[in-house]
Protein backbone atom coordinates (compact mmCIF):
# COMPACT_ATOMS: atom_id res chain seq x y z
CA MET A 1 122.77 116.70 92.70
CA THR A 2 126.39 117.65 92.26
CA ALA A 3 129.16 115.18 91.59
CA ASP A 4 130.15 114.89 95.24
CA ARG A 5 126.83 115.39 97.03
CA VAL A 6 123.54 113.59 97.40
CA SER A 7 120.42 115.70 97.36
CA VAL A 8 116.94 114.49 98.25
CA ASP A 9 113.77 116.55 97.94
CA LEU A 10 112.34 115.80 101.39
CA SER A 11 109.27 117.97 100.95
CA GLY A 12 108.75 116.19 97.62
CA LEU A 13 108.73 112.85 99.46
CA ASP A 14 106.23 114.27 101.96
CA ALA A 15 104.06 115.56 99.11
CA LEU A 16 104.23 112.17 97.38
CA ALA A 17 103.05 110.43 100.55
CA SER A 18 100.22 112.93 100.94
CA ASN A 19 99.18 112.67 97.29
CA LEU A 20 99.14 108.87 97.45
CA ALA A 21 96.94 109.00 100.54
CA SER A 22 94.58 111.33 98.70
CA VAL A 23 94.50 109.05 95.64
CA ARG A 24 93.73 106.07 97.89
CA SER A 25 90.93 107.94 99.62
CA THR A 26 89.38 109.08 96.34
CA MET A 27 89.76 105.67 94.73
CA ASN A 28 88.22 103.91 97.73
CA ALA A 29 85.24 106.25 97.64
CA THR A 30 84.34 105.11 94.12
CA ARG A 31 81.60 102.74 95.29
CA SER A 32 79.95 105.36 97.46
CA THR A 33 80.20 107.89 94.63
CA LEU A 34 78.59 105.50 92.15
CA GLY A 35 75.94 104.57 94.71
CA TYR A 36 75.01 108.22 95.03
CA TYR A 37 73.83 108.22 91.40
CA HIS A 38 71.90 104.97 91.68
CA GLY A 39 68.48 105.45 90.13
CA GLN A 40 69.46 108.75 88.51
CA LEU A 41 71.27 107.51 85.41
CA GLY A 42 68.10 106.99 83.38
CA SER A 43 68.86 103.44 82.34
CA ALA A 44 68.99 100.13 84.17
CA GLU A 45 71.61 98.98 81.63
CA ILE A 46 73.94 101.85 82.52
CA GLU A 47 73.51 101.18 86.23
CA SER A 48 74.14 97.48 85.68
CA ALA A 49 77.27 98.24 83.66
CA LEU A 50 78.57 100.52 86.43
CA ASP A 51 77.81 97.88 89.06
CA ASP A 52 79.67 95.27 86.99
CA PHE A 53 82.61 97.63 86.55
CA GLU A 54 82.73 98.37 90.28
CA HIS A 55 82.56 94.68 91.17
CA ASP A 56 85.28 93.64 88.69
CA TRP A 57 87.44 96.62 89.58
CA SER A 58 87.45 95.85 93.31
CA ASP A 59 90.27 93.24 93.09
CA GLY A 60 92.50 95.55 91.08
CA ARG A 61 91.64 98.50 93.30
CA ARG A 62 92.58 96.48 96.39
CA LYS A 63 96.03 95.74 94.91
CA ILE A 64 96.53 99.36 93.90
CA ASP A 65 95.41 100.49 97.36
CA GLU A 66 97.86 98.15 99.10
CA ASN A 67 100.76 99.25 96.91
CA ALA A 68 99.90 102.95 97.19
CA ASN A 69 99.75 102.57 100.96
CA LYS A 70 103.15 100.84 101.05
CA LEU A 71 104.69 103.48 98.78
CA ALA A 72 103.22 106.34 100.82
CA THR A 73 104.61 104.78 104.00
CA MET A 74 108.04 104.32 102.41
CA ALA A 75 108.13 107.91 101.15
CA SER A 76 107.09 109.32 104.51
CA GLU A 77 109.49 107.10 106.46
CA SER A 78 112.35 107.89 104.06
CA ALA A 79 111.82 111.62 104.56
CA ARG A 80 111.72 111.18 108.34
CA VAL A 81 114.89 109.06 108.44
CA LEU A 82 116.78 111.34 106.05
CA ARG A 83 115.87 114.38 108.15
CA GLN A 84 117.22 112.58 111.22
CA VAL A 85 120.43 111.61 109.39
CA ASP A 86 120.85 115.22 108.29
CA ALA A 87 120.33 116.47 111.86
CA ASP A 88 122.75 113.87 113.24
CA LEU A 89 125.39 114.79 110.67
CA ALA A 90 124.97 118.49 111.38
CA THR A 91 125.36 117.85 115.11
CA ASN A 92 128.43 115.67 114.68
CA LEU A 93 130.09 117.93 112.13
CA THR A 94 129.65 121.08 114.20
CA ALA A 95 130.52 119.58 117.59
CA ASP A 96 133.95 120.13 119.09
CA PRO A 97 136.07 117.15 118.15
CA ILE A 98 137.38 115.02 120.97
CA ARG A 99 141.12 115.49 120.90
CA ALA A 100 143.32 112.54 121.73
CA PRO A 101 145.90 113.29 124.42
CA HIS A 102 149.23 114.40 123.04
CA PRO A 103 152.52 113.32 124.70
CA THR A 104 153.33 116.95 125.49
CA ASP A 105 150.05 117.42 127.41
CA GLU A 106 150.40 117.84 131.16
CA GLY A 107 150.22 114.49 132.94
CA VAL A 108 150.80 112.40 129.82
CA ARG A 109 154.02 110.41 129.70
CA GLU A 110 155.80 109.13 126.67
CA SER A 111 156.40 105.40 126.65
């Protein structure tokens, strides 16, 4: 960013939204991943500890999931809105300005 300009990494915002969605998906698959190894860990104590961890972790995971979802939505929406603002500015700055009538124009009288 320069002193007189604002710069936003729009593809960075898109990547953030995508990465958060991936984190949510991976995090939410934890139970199914742990369940895959059920009976293969060699110890009922280890399986019980993992089940306890998964059960206790579910409340925290739910909060993290909700916040990650909100942040991903905000990042994606921010990028979309900023792209639209940029397009609108480009259109308005490159359009022919509407010129107010001047008293010397044909058909315009001075008061």
